[in-house]
Protein backbone atom coordinates (compact mmCIF):
# COMPACT_ATOMS: atom_id res chain seq x y z
CA MET A 1 124.45 48.44 132.91
CA GLY A 2 121.59 50.37 131.39
CA PHE A 3 117.80 50.43 131.47
CA GLU A 4 115.29 51.58 128.86
CA ALA A 5 111.53 52.12 129.14
CA SER A 6 109.79 52.95 125.87
CA THR A 7 106.44 53.16 124.20
CA SER A 8 105.53 53.05 120.52
CA HIS A 9 102.28 54.17 118.90
CA GLY A 10 101.45 53.76 115.23
CA VAL A 11 99.52 51.92 112.57
CA GLN A 12 99.75 48.51 110.97
CA ILE A 13 99.85 48.83 107.17
CA GLY A 14 98.60 45.60 105.66
CA ASP A 15 99.68 42.45 107.45
CA CYS A 16 103.43 43.00 107.33
CA PHE A 17 104.44 46.62 107.95
CA TYR A 18 104.18 48.79 111.09
CA VAL A 19 105.13 52.47 111.27
CA GLY A 20 104.80 54.74 114.27
CA ALA A 21 106.49 57.01 116.75
CA TYR A 22 108.46 55.90 119.79
CA PHE A 23 109.31 57.71 123.00
CA ASN A 24 111.82 56.42 125.53
CA LEU A 25 113.66 57.03 128.74
CA TYR A 26 117.16 55.55 128.74
CA THR A 27 119.60 55.47 131.63
CA TYR A 28 123.19 54.23 131.63
CA ASP A 29 125.39 54.73 134.73
CA SER A 30 124.82 58.41 135.62
CA ASP A 31 123.54 59.41 132.15
CA THR A 32 119.81 59.71 131.46
CA SER A 33 118.14 60.69 128.21
CA LEU A 34 114.67 61.33 126.85
CA SER A 35 114.22 60.69 123.15
CA GLY A 36 111.70 60.01 120.44
CA GLY A 37 111.55 59.25 116.77
CA VAL A 38 110.29 56.95 114.04
CA ASP A 39 109.63 53.26 114.70
CA THR A 40 109.30 50.84 111.76
CA ARG A 41 108.91 47.05 111.72
CA TYR A 42 108.46 44.41 109.04
CA PHE A 43 106.72 41.18 110.08
CA PHE A 44 107.35 37.86 108.33
CA CYS A 45 104.63 35.14 108.17
CA PRO A 46 101.76 37.61 108.71
CA SER A 47 99.02 34.95 108.92
CA SER A 48 100.78 32.96 111.67
CA GLN A 49 100.40 33.34 115.44
CA ILE A 50 104.20 33.49 115.72
CA ARG A 51 105.66 36.27 113.55
CA PRO A 52 109.38 37.07 113.36
CA TYR A 53 110.18 40.73 112.66
CA VAL A 54 112.99 43.14 111.91
CA GLY A 55 112.80 46.84 112.60
CA LEU A 56 114.56 50.14 112.99
CA GLN A 57 114.05 53.03 115.38
CA ALA A 58 115.76 56.33 114.63
CA GLY A 59 115.40 59.67 116.34
CA GLY A 60 116.85 62.18 118.72
CA GLY A 61 116.51 63.63 122.16
CA VAL A 62 118.38 65.23 124.99
CA ARG A 63 120.72 64.06 127.75
CA ILE A 64 119.11 65.40 130.90
CA ARG A 65 122.20 66.00 133.04
CA TRP A 66 124.25 67.87 130.43
CA LYS A 67 121.39 69.03 128.20
CA ASP A 68 123.32 67.72 125.16
CA PRO A 69 121.35 66.74 122.07
CA ILE A 70 121.67 63.08 121.09
CA PHE A 71 120.96 61.02 118.02
CA SER A 72 119.94 57.39 118.36
CA ILE A 73 119.64 54.58 115.86
CA MET A 74 118.42 51.18 117.00
CA PRO A 75 118.11 48.19 114.63
CA MET A 76 116.12 45.33 116.16
CA GLY A 77 114.83 41.86 115.53
CA GLY A 78 112.58 39.49 117.39
CA VAL A 79 109.41 37.45 117.49
CA SER A 80 105.81 38.53 118.10
CA PHE A 81 103.24 36.11 119.54
CA SER A 82 99.52 36.72 118.92
CA LEU A 83 97.21 35.78 121.79
CA ARG A 84 93.75 36.83 120.57
CA LYS A 85 93.71 40.65 120.91
CA ILE A 86 97.08 40.93 122.68
CA ASN A 87 100.53 40.59 121.11
CA LEU A 88 103.62 39.74 123.10
CA SER A 89 107.03 40.36 121.61
CA MET A 90 110.62 39.74 122.55
CA GLY A 91 113.88 40.31 120.79
CA LEU A 92 117.18 42.14 120.68
CA LYS A 93 117.78 45.80 119.98
CA SER A 94 121.17 47.33 119.23
CA ALA A 95 121.41 50.88 120.52
CA TYR A 96 123.87 53.64 119.71
CA MET A 97 123.64 56.38 122.34
CA PHE A 98 126.09 58.37 124.47
CA GLU A 99 128.92 57.58 122.02
CA THR A 100 128.59 53.88 122.91
CA MET A 101 127.08 50.84 121.29
CA GLY A 102 124.91 48.54 123.39
CA LEU A 103 122.69 45.53 123.08
CA LEU A 104 119.28 45.60 124.76
CA LEU A 105 116.92 42.74 125.48
CA HIS A 106 113.46 43.88 124.40
CA PHE A 107 110.05 42.77 125.76
CA GLY A 108 106.76 44.27 124.59
CA ILE A 109 102.99 44.09 124.88
CA GLY A 110 100.72 45.29 122.07
CA PHE A 111 96.98 45.85 121.88
C-alpha cells in the first residue's frame, strides 16, 4: 500500500485548461521518492459548478533510499466542485513509479 502527498501550482488558461507544476512525496512499502514536473488538466463544462476533468502529470525525481533517479507519468480523471472561491476535486490517478503501476484515489482543494 502506498501514500502520496502532492501540491500543484499553476494558472488557469481560459475556462477549460490548467497548466502548472506539481511536487510530491510518494511512499510505497520501504521506498520513498520526491518528484516534480508538469501538471496539465482539461475541464469539461466550464460554466457549471460540477466540472469533470482529465489530466496528465509527468516529471522526475529521486528515490531517497537508493538515490536512484525516477521518471513518473500519471494520467488522471475526476470531478471538480466549485463552492464559491474554493474548489474541491476527487478522482483517480494512475501512477507509474518504482517499476510498478498503481492506481491512486485523489482528493484536492483549490483556491
